[in-house]
Amino acid sequence: MMDVLILAGGKGTRLAELTLETPKGLARIGDRPILWHIMQIFARQGHRRFILCVGYEGHQIGAWFEQNPEPGWDVVISNAGVEATKSERVRKALEHVRSDRFWLSYGDDLSDVDLARVDAMARATGSVVTLTAVQPFSPFGVMNLDAAGRVRGFSEKSRMAEWINGGFMSVSTEIANYLPLGELEKEVFEALVADGRLDACRHEGFWKAMNTHKEYLELNEMQRRGERHWIPGLADAVERIHGATSP
């Protein structure tokens, strides 16, 4: 089993009043913080040792998990300071890592990602980082135009053609050699690309970030309806149940 590092040090300024005095990781989906939901994704697939890379109001995160322990979970708090970069947070957290590879996740993404598939690719290629690539839905409706500019129809929130980093990264401890170069998604990843040590595993299932208040409301509405699509295997299970009960 692999250790799980979760980046939970940001201030979450785009969530407005939700994070004025509370860290983004404690923003609730239902009656549990988003951090707990992310950790469930890993725990349900066998990874239960967590290193939470905190910063802004990090003591609140530590206190919440002390007061709400989960059986079988080992939760370690790593605090590199409020102004630390992501690379600095990972460098600090590496002091606690016990496995040769570890999971690195952002503290605001939910997905039904198959972690074993991502890590299998990482070990087969020998990458330093294998990230999960996703195609998010566009927040805008799209117009279909002909050559003359006439509108032929509309497509509501279709998937984007481009792939983005959805997080859920299988990372080798070799990354310690790259972290001093600069910020994680810039200098570090660019150096890995130059060395041929960065891969992406395409994920076409559910993925959703919670960066804005609108996305926070959408995730809570999913939770209210019992549509927790970020639970691995849930969508297939629901489909099987519906198929078995359909006339």
C-alpha atoms as a PDB file:
ATOM      1  CA  MET A   1       0.000   0.000   0.000  1.00  0.00           C
ATOM      2  CA  MET A   2       1.157   3.529  -0.767  1.00  0.00           C
ATOM      3  CA  ASP A   3       1.191   6.621   1.413  1.00  0.00           C
ATOM      4  CA  VAL A   4      -1.167   9.402   0.321  1.00  0.00           C
ATOM      5  CA  LEU A   5      -0.058  13.057   0.310  1.00  0.00           C
ATOM      6  CA  ILE A   6      -2.899  15.542  -0.039  1.00  0.00           C
ATOM      7  CA  LEU A   7      -2.189  19.206  -0.731  1.00  0.00           C
ATOM      8  CA  ALA A   8      -4.493  21.045   1.659  1.00  0.00           C
ATOM      9  CA  GLY A   9      -2.655  24.286   2.369  1.00  0.00           C
ATOM     10  CA  GLY A  10      -4.474  26.763   0.136  1.00  0.00           C
ATOM     11  CA  LYS A  11      -6.767  29.560   1.284  1.00  0.00           C
ATOM     12  CA  GLY A  12      -9.595  28.742  -1.133  1.00  0.00           C
ATOM     13  CA  THR A  13     -10.327  32.412  -1.822  1.00  0.00           C
ATOM     14  CA  ARG A  14     -12.764  31.599  -4.659  1.00  0.00           C
ATOM     15  CA  LEU A  15     -15.073  29.890  -2.177  1.00  0.00           C
ATOM     16  CA  ALA A  16     -15.785  33.295  -0.624  1.00  0.00           C
ATOM     17  CA  GLU A  17     -17.419  33.206   2.805  1.00  0.00           C
ATOM     18  CA  LEU A  18     -16.873  29.448   3.212  1.00  0.00           C
ATOM     19  CA  THR A  19     -13.143  29.895   3.772  1.00  0.00           C
ATOM     20  CA  LEU A  20     -12.892  33.249   5.552  1.00  0.00           C
ATOM     21  CA  GLU A  21     -12.029  31.522   8.832  1.00  0.00           C
ATOM     22  CA  THR A  22     -11.935  27.874   7.768  1.00  0.00           C
ATOM     23  CA  PRO A  23      -9.472  26.056   5.477  1.00  0.00           C
ATOM     24  CA  LYS A  24     -10.831  24.917   2.134  1.00  0.00           C
ATOM     25  CA  GLY A  25     -10.251  21.266   3.042  1.00  0.00           C
ATOM     26  CA  LEU A  26     -12.957  21.506   5.721  1.00  0.00           C
ATOM     27  CA  ALA A  27     -15.648  22.852   3.359  1.00  0.00           C
ATOM     28  CA  ARG A  28     -18.507  20.371   3.771  1.00  0.00           C
ATOM     29  CA  ILE A  29     -20.081  18.077   1.223  1.00  0.00           C
ATOM     30  CA  GLY A  30     -23.051  16.846   3.162  1.00  0.00           C
ATOM     31  CA  ASP A  31     -21.922  16.497   6.762  1.00  0.00           C
ATOM     32  CA  ARG A  32     -18.267  15.699   6.013  1.00  0.00           C
ATOM     33  CA  PRO A  33     -15.333  17.847   4.787  1.00  0.00           C
ATOM     34  CA  ILE A  34     -14.208  17.461   1.182  1.00  0.00           C
ATOM     35  CA  LEU A  35     -10.885  16.167   2.540  1.00  0.00           C
ATOM     36  CA  TRP A  36     -12.713  13.226   4.113  1.00  0.00           C
ATOM     37  CA  HIS A  37     -14.398  12.427   0.792  1.00  0.00           C
ATOM     38  CA  ILE A  38     -11.038  12.507  -1.024  1.00  0.00           C
ATOM     39  CA  MET A  39      -9.510  10.240   1.596  1.00  0.00           C
ATOM     40  CA  GLN A  40     -12.406   7.808   1.154  1.00  0.00           C
ATOM     41  CA  ILE A  41     -11.464   7.443  -2.525  1.00  0.00           C
ATOM     42  CA  PHE A  42      -8.039   6.174  -1.460  1.00  0.00           C
ATOM     43  CA  ALA A  43      -9.171   4.219   1.595  1.00  0.00           C
ATOM     44  CA  ARG A  44     -11.736   2.241  -0.401  1.00  0.00           C
ATOM     45  CA  GLN A  45      -8.886   1.139  -2.682  1.00  0.00           C
ATOM     46  CA  GLY A  46      -6.602   0.074   0.156  1.00  0.00           C
ATOM     47  CA  HIS A  47      -4.506   3.192   0.831  1.00  0.00           C
ATOM     48  CA  ARG A  48      -5.119   4.377   4.391  1.00  0.00           C
ATOM     49  CA  ARG A  49      -1.999   6.223   5.514  1.00  0.00           C
ATOM     50  CA  PHE A  50      -2.468   9.924   4.868  1.00  0.00           C
ATOM     51  CA  ILE A  51      -0.061  12.847   5.082  1.00  0.00           C
ATOM     52  CA  LEU A  52      -2.045  16.086   4.935  1.00  0.00           C
ATOM     53  CA  CYS A  53       0.077  18.974   3.657  1.00  0.00           C
ATOM     54  CA  VAL A  54      -1.593  21.867   5.462  1.00  0.00           C
ATOM     55  CA  GLY A  55      -0.979  25.611   5.618  1.00  0.00           C
ATOM     56  CA  TYR A  56      -3.762  28.153   6.065  1.00  0.00           C
ATOM     57  CA  GLU A  57      -5.608  27.368   9.326  1.00  0.00           C
ATOM     58  CA  GLY A  58      -3.958  23.948   9.252  1.00  0.00           C
ATOM     59  CA  HIS A  59      -4.501  23.418  12.970  1.00  0.00           C
ATOM     60  CA  GLN A  60      -8.237  23.221  12.264  1.00  0.00           C
ATOM     61  CA  ILE A  61      -7.692  20.299   9.901  1.00  0.00           C
ATOM     62  CA  GLY A  62      -5.558  18.483  12.459  1.00  0.00           C
ATOM     63  CA  ALA A  63      -8.167  19.084  15.147  1.00  0.00           C
ATOM     64  CA  TRP A  64     -11.029  17.807  12.992  1.00  0.00           C
ATOM     65  CA  PHE A  65      -9.334  14.486  12.283  1.00  0.00           C
ATOM     66  CA  GLU A  66      -8.336  14.098  15.929  1.00  0.00           C
ATOM     67  CA  GLN A  67     -11.970  14.552  16.934  1.00  0.00           C
ATOM     68  CA  ASN A  68     -13.348  12.399  14.097  1.00  0.00           C
ATOM     69  CA  PRO A  69     -10.960   9.430  13.704  1.00  0.00           C
ATOM     70  CA  GLU A  70     -11.667   6.755  11.115  1.00  0.00           C
ATOM     71  CA  PRO A  71     -10.886   3.131  12.061  1.00  0.00           C
ATOM     72  CA  GLY A  72      -7.805   1.917  10.201  1.00  0.00           C
ATOM     73  CA  TRP A  73      -6.704   5.363   9.028  1.00  0.00           C
ATOM     74  CA  ASP A  74      -3.306   6.784   9.965  1.00  0.00           C
ATOM     75  CA  VAL A  75      -3.386  10.578   9.560  1.00  0.00           C
ATOM     76  CA  VAL A  76      -0.194  12.650   9.759  1.00  0.00           C
ATOM     77  CA  ILE A  77      -0.197  16.451   9.621  1.00  0.00           C
ATOM     78  CA  SER A  78       2.675  18.133   7.766  1.00  0.00           C
ATOM     79  CA  ASN A  79       2.855  21.930   7.935  1.00  0.00           C
ATOM     80  CA  ALA A  80       5.409  23.769   5.808  1.00  0.00           C
ATOM     81  CA  GLY A  81       3.895  27.180   6.582  1.00  0.00           C
ATOM     82  CA  VAL A  82       1.128  29.340   5.204  1.00  0.00           C
ATOM     83  CA  GLU A  83       3.143  30.816   2.320  1.00  0.00           C
ATOM     84  CA  ALA A  84       4.878  27.581   1.243  1.00  0.00           C
ATOM     85  CA  THR A  85       4.669  26.534  -2.410  1.00  0.00           C
ATOM     86  CA  LYS A  86       3.324  23.135  -3.400  1.00  0.00           C
ATOM     87  CA  SER A  87       6.882  21.921  -3.994  1.00  0.00           C
ATOM     88  CA  GLU A  88       7.894  23.043  -0.518  1.00  0.00           C
ATOM     89  CA  ARG A  89       4.862  21.300   0.988  1.00  0.00           C
ATOM     90  CA  VAL A  90       5.770  18.049  -0.774  1.00  0.00           C
ATOM     91  CA  ARG A  91       9.439  18.345   0.312  1.00  0.00           C
ATOM     92  CA  LYS A  92       8.354  18.740   3.925  1.00  0.00           C
ATOM     93  CA  ALA A  93       5.901  15.837   3.694  1.00  0.00           C
ATOM     94  CA  LEU A  94       8.538  13.490   2.233  1.00  0.00           C
ATOM     95  CA  GLU A  95       9.989  13.292   5.754  1.00  0.00           C
ATOM     96  CA  HIS A  96       7.003  11.087   6.630  1.00  0.00           C
ATOM     97  CA  VAL A  97       6.787   8.945   3.468  1.00  0.00           C
ATOM     98  CA  ARG A  98       7.502   5.239   3.973  1.00  0.00           C
ATOM     99  CA  SER A  99       6.684   3.783   0.538  1.00  0.00           C
ATOM    100  CA  ASP A 100       8.886   3.903  -2.591  1.00  0.00           C
ATOM    101  CA  ARG A 101       6.023   5.510  -4.496  1.00  0.00           C
ATOM    102  CA  PHE A 102       3.255   7.605  -2.993  1.00  0.00           C
ATOM    103  CA  TRP A 103      -0.003   9.182  -4.081  1.00  0.00           C
ATOM    104  CA  LEU A 104      -0.159  12.947  -4.482  1.00  0.00           C
ATOM    105  CA  SER A 105      -3.575  14.539  -4.675  1.00  0.00           C
ATOM    106  CA  TYR A 106      -5.014  18.018  -4.692  1.00  0.00           C
ATOM    107  CA  GLY A 107      -7.364  18.843  -1.850  1.00  0.00           C
ATOM    108  CA  ASP A 108     -10.340  19.788  -4.013  1.00  0.00           C
ATOM    109  CA  ASP A 109     -10.801  17.085  -6.692  1.00  0.00           C
ATOM    110  CA  LEU A 110     -13.208  14.141  -6.551  1.00  0.00           C
ATOM    111  CA  SER A 111     -13.149  11.219  -8.987  1.00  0.00           C
ATOM    112  CA  ASP A 112     -13.964   7.536  -9.386  1.00  0.00           C
ATOM    113  CA  VAL A 113     -10.404   7.005 -10.670  1.00  0.00           C
ATOM    114  CA  ASP A 114      -9.021   3.468 -10.737  1.00  0.00           C
ATOM    115  CA  LEU A 115      -5.857   3.994  -8.710  1.00  0.00           C
ATOM    116  CA  ALA A 116      -4.424   0.548  -9.456  1.00  0.00           C
ATOM    117  CA  ARG A 117      -4.570   1.321 -13.183  1.00  0.00           C
ATOM    118  CA  VAL A 118      -2.715   4.614 -12.714  1.00  0.00           C
ATOM    119  CA  ASP A 119      -0.007   3.048 -10.566  1.00  0.00           C
ATOM    120  CA  ALA A 120       0.397   0.064 -12.877  1.00  0.00           C
ATOM    121  CA  MET A 121       1.205   2.458 -15.710  1.00  0.00           C
ATOM    122  CA  ALA A 122       3.615   4.381 -13.478  1.00  0.00           C
ATOM    123  CA  ARG A 123       5.564   1.263 -12.534  1.00  0.00           C
ATOM    124  CA  ALA A 124       5.567  -0.087 -16.085  1.00  0.00           C
ATOM    125  CA  THR A 125       7.047   3.116 -17.515  1.00  0.00           C
ATOM    126  CA  GLY A 126       9.291   3.986 -14.580  1.00  0.00           C
ATOM    127  CA  SER A 127       8.016   7.551 -14.514  1.00  0.00           C
ATOM    128  CA  VAL A 128       8.735   9.897 -11.647  1.00  0.00           C
ATOM    129  CA  VAL A 129       5.169  11.179 -11.901  1.00  0.00           C
ATOM    130  CA  THR A 130       2.157   9.602 -13.590  1.00  0.00           C
ATOM    131  CA  LEU A 131      -0.795  11.927 -13.290  1.00  0.00           C
ATOM    132  CA  THR A 132      -4.454  11.320 -14.049  1.00  0.00           C
ATOM    133  CA  ALA A 133      -5.546  13.161 -17.202  1.00  0.00           C
ATOM    134  CA  VAL A 134      -9.201  14.173 -17.441  1.00  0.00           C
ATOM    135  CA  GLN A 135     -11.489  16.031 -19.853  1.00  0.00           C
ATOM    136  CA  PRO A 136     -13.744  18.289 -17.762  1.00  0.00           C
ATOM    137  CA  PHE A 137     -17.114  19.522 -18.923  1.00  0.00           C
ATOM    138  CA  SER A 138     -17.143  23.035 -20.330  1.00  0.00           C
ATOM    139  CA  PRO A 139     -18.963  25.490 -18.025  1.00  0.00           C
ATOM    140  CA  PHE A 140     -20.536  27.083 -21.108  1.00  0.00           C
ATOM    141  CA  GLY A 141     -23.102  26.032 -23.648  1.00  0.00           C
ATOM    142  CA  VAL A 142     -21.600  25.669 -27.124  1.00  0.00           C
ATOM    143  CA  MET A 143     -23.124  27.008 -30.357  1.00  0.00           C
ATOM    144  CA  ASN A 144     -22.921  24.970 -33.547  1.00  0.00           C
ATOM    145  CA  LEU A 145     -22.403  27.398 -36.453  1.00  0.00           C
ATOM    146  CA  ASP A 146     -22.321  26.826 -40.198  1.00  0.00           C
ATOM    147  CA  ALA A 147     -19.951  28.596 -42.610  1.00  0.00           C
ATOM    148  CA  ALA A 148     -22.377  31.507 -43.018  1.00  0.00           C
ATOM    149  CA  GLY A 149     -22.606  32.079 -39.263  1.00  0.00           C
ATOM    150  CA  ARG A 150     -26.084  30.630 -38.913  1.00  0.00           C
ATOM    151  CA  VAL A 151     -26.718  28.891 -35.587  1.00  0.00           C
ATOM    152  CA  ARG A 152     -27.605  25.236 -36.204  1.00  0.00           C
ATOM    153  CA  GLY A 153     -28.041  24.205 -32.599  1.00  0.00           C
ATOM    154  CA  PHE A 154     -26.634  24.202 -29.096  1.00  0.00           C
ATOM    155  CA  SER A 155     -24.678  21.715 -27.015  1.00  0.00           C
ATOM    156  CA  GLU A 156     -24.992  22.065 -23.263  1.00  0.00           C
ATOM    157  CA  LYS A 157     -21.816  21.641 -21.243  1.00  0.00           C
ATOM    158  CA  SER A 158     -20.074  19.148 -23.493  1.00  0.00           C
ATOM    159  CA  ARG A 159     -16.700  17.655 -22.573  1.00  0.00           C
ATOM    160  CA  MET A 160     -13.697  19.733 -23.522  1.00  0.00           C
ATOM    161  CA  ALA A 161     -11.429  18.323 -26.221  1.00  0.00           C
ATOM    162  CA  GLU A 162      -8.311  19.091 -24.173  1.00  0.00           C
ATOM    163  CA  TRP A 163      -6.903  16.993 -21.341  1.00  0.00           C
ATOM    164  CA  ILE A 164      -5.953  18.559 -18.013  1.00  0.00           C
ATOM    165  CA  ASN A 165      -4.165  17.353 -14.887  1.00  0.00           C
ATOM    166  CA  GLY A 166      -6.875  15.902 -12.662  1.00  0.00           C
ATOM    167  CA  GLY A 167      -4.435  15.090  -9.863  1.00  0.00           C
ATOM    168  CA  PHE A 168      -4.415  11.586  -8.330  1.00  0.00           C
ATOM    169  CA  MET A 169      -0.723  11.209  -9.153  1.00  0.00           C
ATOM    170  CA  SER A 170       1.491   8.187  -8.565  1.00  0.00           C
ATOM    171  CA  VAL A 171       4.848   9.709  -7.597  1.00  0.00           C
ATOM    172  CA  SER A 172       8.280   8.200  -7.028  1.00  0.00           C
ATOM    173  CA  THR A 173      10.348   9.471  -4.115  1.00  0.00           C
ATOM    174  CA  GLU A 174      12.859  10.413  -6.846  1.00  0.00           C
ATOM    175  CA  ILE A 175      10.864  13.610  -7.132  1.00  0.00           C
ATOM    176  CA  ALA A 176      12.970  14.904  -4.244  1.00  0.00           C
ATOM    177  CA  ASN A 177      15.712  15.540  -6.829  1.00  0.00           C
ATOM    178  CA  TYR A 178      13.424  17.847  -8.828  1.00  0.00           C
ATOM    179  CA  LEU A 179      11.531  19.759  -6.131  1.00  0.00           C
ATOM    180  CA  PRO A 180      14.291  22.369  -5.533  1.00  0.00           C
ATOM    181  CA  LEU A 181      13.851  23.543  -9.147  1.00  0.00           C
ATOM    182  CA  GLY A 182      10.708  25.547  -8.393  1.00  0.00           C
ATOM    183  CA  GLU A 183       6.934  25.277  -8.406  1.00  0.00           C
ATOM    184  CA  LEU A 184       5.434  21.834  -8.875  1.00  0.00           C
ATOM    185  CA  GLU A 185       3.316  22.347 -12.014  1.00  0.00           C
ATOM    186  CA  LYS A 186       5.851  24.646 -13.670  1.00  0.00           C
ATOM    187  CA  GLU A 187       9.588  24.107 -13.241  1.00  0.00           C
ATOM    188  CA  VAL A 188       9.316  20.634 -11.693  1.00  0.00           C
ATOM    189  CA  PHE A 189       6.927  19.166 -14.242  1.00  0.00           C
ATOM    190  CA  GLU A 190       8.731  20.895 -17.123  1.00  0.00           C
ATOM    191  CA  ALA A 191      12.016  19.299 -16.016  1.00  0.00           C
ATOM    192  CA  LEU A 192      10.313  15.897 -15.821  1.00  0.00           C
ATOM    193  CA  VAL A 193       8.956  16.372 -19.343  1.00  0.00           C
ATOM    194  CA  ALA A 194      12.442  17.250 -20.586  1.00  0.00           C
ATOM    195  CA  ASP A 195      13.803  14.070 -18.966  1.00  0.00           C
ATOM    196  CA  GLY A 196      10.949  11.903 -20.275  1.00  0.00           C
ATOM    197  CA  ARG A 197       9.831  11.054 -16.733  1.00  0.00           C
ATOM    198  CA  LEU A 198       6.264  12.451 -16.691  1.00  0.00           C
ATOM    199  CA  ASP A 199       3.325  10.354 -17.920  1.00  0.00           C
ATOM    200  CA  ALA A 200      -0.459  10.700 -17.933  1.00  0.00           C
ATOM    201  CA  CYS A 201      -3.069   7.990 -17.509  1.00  0.00           C
ATOM    202  CA  ARG A 202      -6.325   8.970 -19.243  1.00  0.00           C
ATOM    203  CA  HIS A 203      -9.441   8.772 -17.065  1.00  0.00           C
ATOM    204  CA  GLU A 204     -12.809   9.032 -18.817  1.00  0.00           C
ATOM    205  CA  GLY A 205     -15.035   8.508 -15.788  1.00  0.00           C
ATOM    206  CA  PHE A 206     -16.278  10.967 -13.194  1.00  0.00           C
ATOM    207  CA  TRP A 207     -14.095  13.894 -12.156  1.00  0.00           C
ATOM    208  CA  LYS A 208     -15.067  17.206 -10.625  1.00  0.00           C
ATOM    209  CA  ALA A 209     -13.151  19.954  -8.861  1.00  0.00           C
ATOM    210  CA  MET A 210     -14.449  22.203  -6.091  1.00  0.00           C
ATOM    211  CA  ASN A 211     -12.795  25.514  -6.904  1.00  0.00           C
ATOM    212  CA  THR A 212     -15.819  27.823  -6.868  1.00  0.00           C
ATOM    213  CA  HIS A 213     -18.944  28.328  -4.801  1.00  0.00           C
ATOM    214  CA  LYS A 214     -21.011  27.079  -7.745  1.00  0.00           C
ATOM    215  CA  GLU A 215     -19.067  23.795  -7.828  1.00  0.00           C
ATOM    216  CA  TYR A 216     -19.446  23.505  -4.052  1.00  0.00           C
ATOM    217  CA  LEU A 217     -23.230  23.786  -4.441  1.00  0.00           C
ATOM    218  CA  GLU A 218     -23.254  21.254  -7.303  1.00  0.00           C
ATOM    219  CA  LEU A 219     -21.329  18.668  -5.281  1.00  0.00           C
ATOM    220  CA  ASN A 220     -23.629  19.164  -2.321  1.00  0.00           C
ATOM    221  CA  GLU A 221     -26.657  18.685  -4.569  1.00  0.00           C
ATOM    222  CA  MET A 222     -25.129  15.407  -5.834  1.00  0.00           C
ATOM    223  CA  GLN A 223     -24.589  14.335  -2.228  1.00  0.00           C
ATOM    224  CA  ARG A 224     -28.175  15.276  -1.322  1.00  0.00           C
ATOM    225  CA  ARG A 225     -29.516  13.145  -4.187  1.00  0.00           C
ATOM    226  CA  GLY A 226     -27.309  10.211  -3.192  1.00  0.00           C
ATOM    227  CA  GLU A 227     -25.249  10.573  -6.393  1.00  0.00           C
ATOM    228  CA  ARG A 228     -21.757  10.248  -4.959  1.00  0.00           C
ATOM    229  CA  HIS A 229     -20.158   9.487  -8.305  1.00  0.00           C
ATOM    230  CA  TRP A 230     -16.677   9.837  -6.821  1.00  0.00           C
ATOM    231  CA  ILE A 231     -17.001   6.514  -5.024  1.00  0.00           C
ATOM    232  CA  PRO A 232     -15.021   4.046  -7.190  1.00  0.00           C
ATOM    233  CA  GLY A 233     -17.299   1.475  -8.771  1.00  0.00           C
ATOM    234  CA  LEU A 234     -20.531   3.182  -7.668  1.00  0.00           C
ATOM    235  CA  ALA A 235     -21.655   4.143 -11.171  1.00  0.00           C
ATOM    236  CA  ASP A 236     -21.268   0.557 -12.408  1.00  0.00           C
ATOM    237  CA  ALA A 237     -23.091  -0.777  -9.347  1.00  0.00           C
ATOM    238  CA  VAL A 238     -26.015   1.614  -9.847  1.00  0.00           C
ATOM    239  CA  GLU A 239     -26.217   0.653 -13.517  1.00  0.00           C
ATOM    240  CA  ARG A 240     -26.285  -3.046 -12.620  1.00  0.00           C
ATOM    241  CA  ILE A 241     -29.043  -2.482 -10.051  1.00  0.00           C
ATOM    242  CA  HIS A 242     -31.142  -0.449 -12.452  1.00  0.00           C
ATOM    243  CA  GLY A 243     -30.595  -2.988 -15.194  1.00  0.00           C
ATOM    244  CA  ALA A 244     -31.692  -5.821 -12.912  1.00  0.00           C
ATOM    245  CA  THR A 245     -34.875  -4.023 -11.868  1.00  0.00           C
ATOM    246  CA  SER A 246     -35.860  -2.635 -15.263  1.00  0.00           C
ATOM    247  CA  PRO A 247     -38.940  -4.231 -16.846  1.00  0.00           C
END
